[in-house]
Amino acid sequence: MATIGVFDLHDGKYVGTINTLTVHERAEIVPAPLGGDRAPTHHVLVNKVQVGAGWSKTSQTNGAKYISVRIDDPSFPAPLFCRLVQQGDVHHLIWVREDAQSKRSAESTGAETSRAA
Protein backbone atom coordinates (compact mmCIF):
# COMPACT_ATOMS: atom_id res chain seq x y z
CA MET A 1 0.00 0.00 0.00
CA ALA A 2 1.24 3.46 -0.89
CA THR A 3 0.14 6.95 0.10
CA ILE A 4 -1.01 8.70 -3.07
CA GLY A 5 -2.57 11.75 -1.44
CA VAL A 6 -2.68 13.94 1.64
CA PHE A 7 -5.84 15.81 2.60
CA ASP A 8 -6.96 18.30 5.26
CA LEU A 9 -10.54 18.55 6.49
CA HIS A 10 -11.99 22.04 5.86
CA ASP A 11 -15.66 22.94 6.32
CA GLY A 12 -16.81 19.32 5.98
CA LYS A 13 -14.77 18.52 2.85
CA TYR A 14 -11.35 16.99 2.40
CA VAL A 15 -8.97 19.16 0.35
CA GLY A 16 -5.58 17.94 -0.88
CA THR A 17 -3.61 16.45 -3.73
CA ILE A 18 -3.45 13.11 -5.50
CA ASN A 19 0.03 12.20 -6.72
CA THR A 20 0.91 9.07 -8.68
CA LEU A 21 3.35 8.48 -11.53
CA THR A 22 0.74 9.81 -13.97
CA VAL A 23 -1.62 11.96 -11.85
CA HIS A 24 -0.70 15.19 -10.06
CA GLU A 25 -3.94 16.99 -9.22
CA ARG A 26 -5.55 19.02 -6.46
CA ALA A 27 -8.69 17.24 -5.39
CA GLU A 28 -11.63 17.47 -3.03
CA ILE A 29 -13.57 14.68 -1.39
CA VAL A 30 -16.97 16.12 -0.55
CA PRO A 31 -20.12 14.74 1.08
CA ALA A 32 -22.65 13.38 -1.41
CA PRO A 33 -26.39 13.93 -1.17
CA LEU A 34 -28.03 11.12 0.74
CA GLY A 35 -29.11 8.28 -1.51
CA GLY A 36 -30.00 4.62 -1.15
CA ASP A 37 -28.15 2.06 0.95
CA ARG A 38 -25.57 1.49 -1.77
CA ALA A 39 -25.14 5.11 -2.82
CA PRO A 40 -21.78 6.76 -2.20
CA THR A 41 -21.41 8.98 0.85
CA HIS A 42 -18.75 11.13 -0.89
CA HIS A 43 -17.77 12.39 -4.33
CA VAL A 44 -14.16 12.86 -5.50
CA LEU A 45 -13.71 16.03 -7.54
CA VAL A 46 -10.79 17.30 -9.63
CA ASN A 47 -11.31 20.76 -11.14
CA LYS A 48 -14.99 20.48 -10.08
CA VAL A 49 -15.38 17.32 -12.23
CA GLN A 50 -16.43 14.12 -10.47
CA VAL A 51 -13.76 11.46 -10.96
CA GLY A 52 -14.71 9.09 -8.19
CA ALA A 53 -16.86 8.17 -5.25
CA GLY A 54 -16.38 7.11 -1.66
CA TRP A 55 -18.25 5.12 0.95
CA SER A 56 -17.97 5.68 4.70
CA LYS A 57 -16.72 2.54 6.43
CA THR A 58 -15.63 1.30 9.84
CA SER A 59 -12.66 -1.03 10.24
CA GLN A 60 -13.62 -4.46 11.54
CA THR A 61 -10.23 -4.84 13.25
CA ASN A 62 -9.95 -1.62 15.26
CA GLY A 63 -13.20 0.31 14.76
CA ALA A 64 -11.48 3.21 12.99
CA LYS A 65 -13.59 5.15 10.52
CA TYR A 66 -12.33 5.64 6.95
CA ILE A 67 -13.65 6.32 3.46
CA SER A 68 -13.32 3.61 0.81
CA VAL A 69 -12.60 5.48 -2.44
CA ARG A 70 -12.79 4.49 -6.09
CA ILE A 71 -11.26 6.88 -8.64
CA ASP A 72 -11.70 6.31 -12.37
CA ASP A 73 -11.03 8.18 -15.59
CA PRO A 74 -11.16 7.18 -19.27
CA SER A 75 -7.38 7.64 -19.41
CA PHE A 76 -6.82 5.01 -16.68
CA PRO A 77 -6.35 1.36 -17.63
CA ALA A 78 -8.28 0.43 -14.46
CA PRO A 79 -9.88 2.23 -11.50
CA LEU A 80 -7.82 3.20 -8.45
CA PHE A 81 -9.06 1.75 -5.18
CA CYS A 82 -8.02 3.68 -2.07
CA ARG A 83 -8.81 4.37 1.56
CA LEU A 84 -8.86 7.84 3.09
CA VAL A 85 -7.62 7.34 6.65
CA GLN A 86 -6.87 9.82 9.40
CA GLN A 87 -3.32 9.86 10.72
CA GLY A 88 -2.80 12.60 13.26
CA ASP A 89 -4.15 15.93 12.00
CA VAL A 90 -4.20 14.93 8.31
CA HIS A 91 -5.89 12.31 6.16
CA HIS A 92 -3.89 10.05 3.87
CA LEU A 93 -5.24 8.55 0.67
CA ILE A 94 -3.79 5.04 0.66
CA TRP A 95 -3.79 3.07 -2.61
CA VAL A 96 -5.02 -0.50 -2.18
CA ARG A 97 -4.55 -3.17 -4.83
CA GLU A 98 -7.89 -4.88 -5.21
CA ASP A 99 -7.46 -8.61 -5.68
CA ALA A 100 -9.94 -11.14 -6.99
CA GLN A 101 -10.77 -12.41 -3.48
CA SER A 102 -11.71 -8.96 -2.14
CA LYS A 103 -13.82 -8.30 -5.27
CA ARG A 104 -15.76 -11.54 -4.75
CA SER A 105 -16.21 -10.81 -1.05
CA ALA A 106 -17.46 -7.25 -1.70
CA GLU A 107 -19.85 -8.42 -4.42
CA SER A 108 -21.31 -11.19 -2.28
CA THR A 109 -21.83 -8.99 0.77
CA GLY A 110 -22.38 -5.61 -0.86
CA ALA A 111 -19.57 -4.39 1.41
CA GLU A 112 -17.92 -2.06 -1.09
CA THR A 113 -21.08 -0.08 -1.53
CA SER A 114 -22.66 -0.32 1.89
CA ARG A 115 -22.74 2.54 4.38
CA ALA A 116 -21.19 2.29 7.81
CA ALA A 117 -23.54 2.87 10.71
C-alpha atoms as a PDB file:
ATOM      1  CA  MET A   1       0.000   0.000   0.000  1.00  0.00           C
ATOM      2  CA  ALA A   2       1.239   3.463  -0.890  1.00  0.00           C
ATOM      3  CA  THR A   3       0.144   6.952   0.100  1.00  0.00           C
ATOM      4  CA  ILE A   4      -1.005   8.703  -3.071  1.00  0.00           C
ATOM      5  CA  GLY A   5      -2.570  11.748  -1.445  1.00  0.00           C
ATOM      6  CA  VAL A   6      -2.676  13.940   1.636  1.00  0.00           C
ATOM      7  CA  PHE A   7      -5.845  15.815   2.603  1.00  0.00           C
ATOM      8  CA  ASP A   8      -6.961  18.297   5.255  1.00  0.00           C
ATOM      9  CA  LEU A   9     -10.537  18.553   6.492  1.00  0.00           C
ATOM     10  CA  HIS A  10     -11.987  22.045   5.858  1.00  0.00           C
ATOM     11  CA  ASP A  11     -15.657  22.936   6.320  1.00  0.00           C
ATOM     12  CA  GLY A  12     -16.809  19.325   5.978  1.00  0.00           C
ATOM     13  CA  LYS A  13     -14.770  18.521   2.846  1.00  0.00           C
ATOM     14  CA  TYR A  14     -11.345  16.987   2.395  1.00  0.00           C
ATOM     15  CA  VAL A  15      -8.968  19.156   0.351  1.00  0.00           C
ATOM     16  CA  GLY A  16      -5.582  17.943  -0.878  1.00  0.00           C
ATOM     17  CA  THR A  17      -3.614  16.448  -3.732  1.00  0.00           C
ATOM     18  CA  ILE A  18      -3.450  13.114  -5.502  1.00  0.00           C
ATOM     19  CA  ASN A  19       0.031  12.199  -6.720  1.00  0.00           C
ATOM     20  CA  THR A  20       0.913   9.073  -8.685  1.00  0.00           C
ATOM     21  CA  LEU A  21       3.345   8.483 -11.534  1.00  0.00           C
ATOM     22  CA  THR A  22       0.739   9.813 -13.969  1.00  0.00           C
ATOM     23  CA  VAL A  23      -1.623  11.958 -11.854  1.00  0.00           C
ATOM     24  CA  HIS A  24      -0.699  15.186 -10.062  1.00  0.00           C
ATOM     25  CA  GLU A  25      -3.944  16.985  -9.217  1.00  0.00           C
ATOM     26  CA  ARG A  26      -5.545  19.019  -6.460  1.00  0.00           C
ATOM     27  CA  ALA A  27      -8.690  17.238  -5.390  1.00  0.00           C
ATOM     28  CA  GLU A  28     -11.632  17.474  -3.027  1.00  0.00           C
ATOM     29  CA  ILE A  29     -13.571  14.678  -1.389  1.00  0.00           C
ATOM     30  CA  VAL A  30     -16.971  16.123  -0.548  1.00  0.00           C
ATOM     31  CA  PRO A  31     -20.125  14.744   1.084  1.00  0.00           C
ATOM     32  CA  ALA A  32     -22.645  13.383  -1.410  1.00  0.00           C
ATOM     33  CA  PRO A  33     -26.391  13.935  -1.173  1.00  0.00           C
ATOM     34  CA  LEU A  34     -28.029  11.116   0.740  1.00  0.00           C
ATOM     35  CA  GLY A  35     -29.111   8.278  -1.512  1.00  0.00           C
ATOM     36  CA  GLY A  36     -30.000   4.623  -1.145  1.00  0.00           C
ATOM     37  CA  ASP A  37     -28.152   2.062   0.954  1.00  0.00           C
ATOM     38  CA  ARG A  38     -25.571   1.487  -1.769  1.00  0.00           C
ATOM     39  CA  ALA A  39     -25.145   5.113  -2.820  1.00  0.00           C
ATOM     40  CA  PRO A  40     -21.776   6.757  -2.196  1.00  0.00           C
ATOM     41  CA  THR A  41     -21.406   8.976   0.845  1.00  0.00           C
ATOM     42  CA  HIS A  42     -18.755  11.129  -0.886  1.00  0.00           C
ATOM     43  CA  HIS A  43     -17.767  12.385  -4.329  1.00  0.00           C
ATOM     44  CA  VAL A  44     -14.163  12.857  -5.495  1.00  0.00           C
ATOM     45  CA  LEU A  45     -13.707  16.034  -7.535  1.00  0.00           C
ATOM     46  CA  VAL A  46     -10.785  17.296  -9.631  1.00  0.00           C
ATOM     47  CA  ASN A  47     -11.308  20.759 -11.136  1.00  0.00           C
ATOM     48  CA  LYS A  48     -14.987  20.475 -10.082  1.00  0.00           C
ATOM     49  CA  VAL A  49     -15.384  17.322 -12.227  1.00  0.00           C
ATOM     50  CA  GLN A  50     -16.434  14.118 -10.466  1.00  0.00           C
ATOM     51  CA  VAL A  51     -13.762  11.462 -10.955  1.00  0.00           C
ATOM     52  CA  GLY A  52     -14.713   9.093  -8.195  1.00  0.00           C
ATOM     53  CA  ALA A  53     -16.856   8.167  -5.245  1.00  0.00           C
ATOM     54  CA  GLY A  54     -16.382   7.114  -1.660  1.00  0.00           C
ATOM     55  CA  TRP A  55     -18.251   5.120   0.949  1.00  0.00           C
ATOM     56  CA  SER A  56     -17.968   5.684   4.704  1.00  0.00           C
ATOM     57  CA  LYS A  57     -16.723   2.536   6.429  1.00  0.00           C
ATOM     58  CA  THR A  58     -15.633   1.303   9.843  1.00  0.00           C
ATOM     59  CA  SER A  59     -12.657  -1.030  10.237  1.00  0.00           C
ATOM     60  CA  GLN A  60     -13.621  -4.457  11.545  1.00  0.00           C
ATOM     61  CA  THR A  61     -10.227  -4.844  13.247  1.00  0.00           C
ATOM     62  CA  ASN A  62      -9.951  -1.622  15.264  1.00  0.00           C
ATOM     63  CA  GLY A  63     -13.201   0.310  14.763  1.00  0.00           C
ATOM     64  CA  ALA A  64     -11.476   3.210  12.992  1.00  0.00           C
ATOM     65  CA  LYS A  65     -13.588   5.150  10.517  1.00  0.00           C
ATOM     66  CA  TYR A  66     -12.334   5.644   6.952  1.00  0.00           C
ATOM     67  CA  ILE A  67     -13.645   6.322   3.455  1.00  0.00           C
ATOM     68  CA  SER A  68     -13.320   3.607   0.815  1.00  0.00           C
ATOM     69  CA  VAL A  69     -12.601   5.481  -2.438  1.00  0.00           C
ATOM     70  CA  ARG A  70     -12.789   4.487  -6.091  1.00  0.00           C
ATOM     71  CA  ILE A  71     -11.265   6.880  -8.644  1.00  0.00           C
ATOM     72  CA  ASP A  72     -11.702   6.313 -12.372  1.00  0.00           C
ATOM     73  CA  ASP A  73     -11.028   8.184 -15.586  1.00  0.00           C
ATOM     74  CA  PRO A  74     -11.162   7.184 -19.265  1.00  0.00           C
ATOM     75  CA  SER A  75      -7.379   7.643 -19.414  1.00  0.00           C
ATOM     76  CA  PHE A  76      -6.819   5.008 -16.676  1.00  0.00           C
ATOM     77  CA  PRO A  77      -6.348   1.357 -17.626  1.00  0.00           C
ATOM     78  CA  ALA A  78      -8.275   0.426 -14.457  1.00  0.00           C
ATOM     79  CA  PRO A  79      -9.880   2.233 -11.504  1.00  0.00           C
ATOM     80  CA  LEU A  80      -7.820   3.203  -8.451  1.00  0.00           C
ATOM     81  CA  PHE A  81      -9.063   1.755  -5.180  1.00  0.00           C
ATOM     82  CA  CYS A  82      -8.024   3.684  -2.072  1.00  0.00           C
ATOM     83  CA  ARG A  83      -8.811   4.371   1.559  1.00  0.00           C
ATOM     84  CA  LEU A  84      -8.859   7.839   3.090  1.00  0.00           C
ATOM     85  CA  VAL A  85      -7.625   7.344   6.655  1.00  0.00           C
ATOM     86  CA  GLN A  86      -6.873   9.817   9.401  1.00  0.00           C
ATOM     87  CA  GLN A  87      -3.319   9.857  10.719  1.00  0.00           C
ATOM     88  CA  GLY A  88      -2.799  12.598  13.257  1.00  0.00           C
ATOM     89  CA  ASP A  89      -4.149  15.925  12.002  1.00  0.00           C
ATOM     90  CA  VAL A  90      -4.201  14.934   8.306  1.00  0.00           C
ATOM     91  CA  HIS A  91      -5.893  12.313   6.164  1.00  0.00           C
ATOM     92  CA  HIS A  92      -3.888  10.051   3.866  1.00  0.00           C
ATOM     93  CA  LEU A  93      -5.240   8.549   0.669  1.00  0.00           C
ATOM     94  CA  ILE A  94      -3.789   5.040   0.657  1.00  0.00           C
ATOM     95  CA  TRP A  95      -3.790   3.071  -2.611  1.00  0.00           C
ATOM     96  CA  VAL A  96      -5.025  -0.502  -2.184  1.00  0.00           C
ATOM     97  CA  ARG A  97      -4.554  -3.174  -4.831  1.00  0.00           C
ATOM     98  CA  GLU A  98      -7.891  -4.880  -5.210  1.00  0.00           C
ATOM     99  CA  ASP A  99      -7.457  -8.606  -5.678  1.00  0.00           C
ATOM    100  CA  ALA A 100      -9.942 -11.140  -6.988  1.00  0.00           C
ATOM    101  CA  GLN A 101     -10.770 -12.411  -3.476  1.00  0.00           C
ATOM    102  CA  SER A 102     -11.712  -8.965  -2.141  1.00  0.00           C
ATOM    103  CA  LYS A 103     -13.822  -8.299  -5.268  1.00  0.00           C
ATOM    104  CA  ARG A 104     -15.761 -11.545  -4.755  1.00  0.00           C
ATOM    105  CA  SER A 105     -16.209 -10.806  -1.052  1.00  0.00           C
ATOM    106  CA  ALA A 106     -17.455  -7.250  -1.696  1.00  0.00           C
ATOM    107  CA  GLU A 107     -19.845  -8.425  -4.416  1.00  0.00           C
ATOM    108  CA  SER A 108     -21.310 -11.194  -2.284  1.00  0.00           C
ATOM    109  CA  THR A 109     -21.830  -8.985   0.769  1.00  0.00           C
ATOM    110  CA  GLY A 110     -22.384  -5.607  -0.856  1.00  0.00           C
ATOM    111  CA  ALA A 111     -19.573  -4.387   1.411  1.00  0.00           C
ATOM    112  CA  GLU A 112     -17.923  -2.063  -1.085  1.00  0.00           C
ATOM    113  CA  THR A 113     -21.078  -0.077  -1.529  1.00  0.00           C
ATOM    114  CA  SER A 114     -22.662  -0.320   1.895  1.00  0.00           C
ATOM    115  CA  ARG A 115     -22.743   2.543   4.381  1.00  0.00           C
ATOM    116  CA  ALA A 116     -21.194   2.292   7.805  1.00  0.00           C
ATOM    117  CA  ALA A 117     -23.535   2.867  10.714  1.00  0.00           C
END
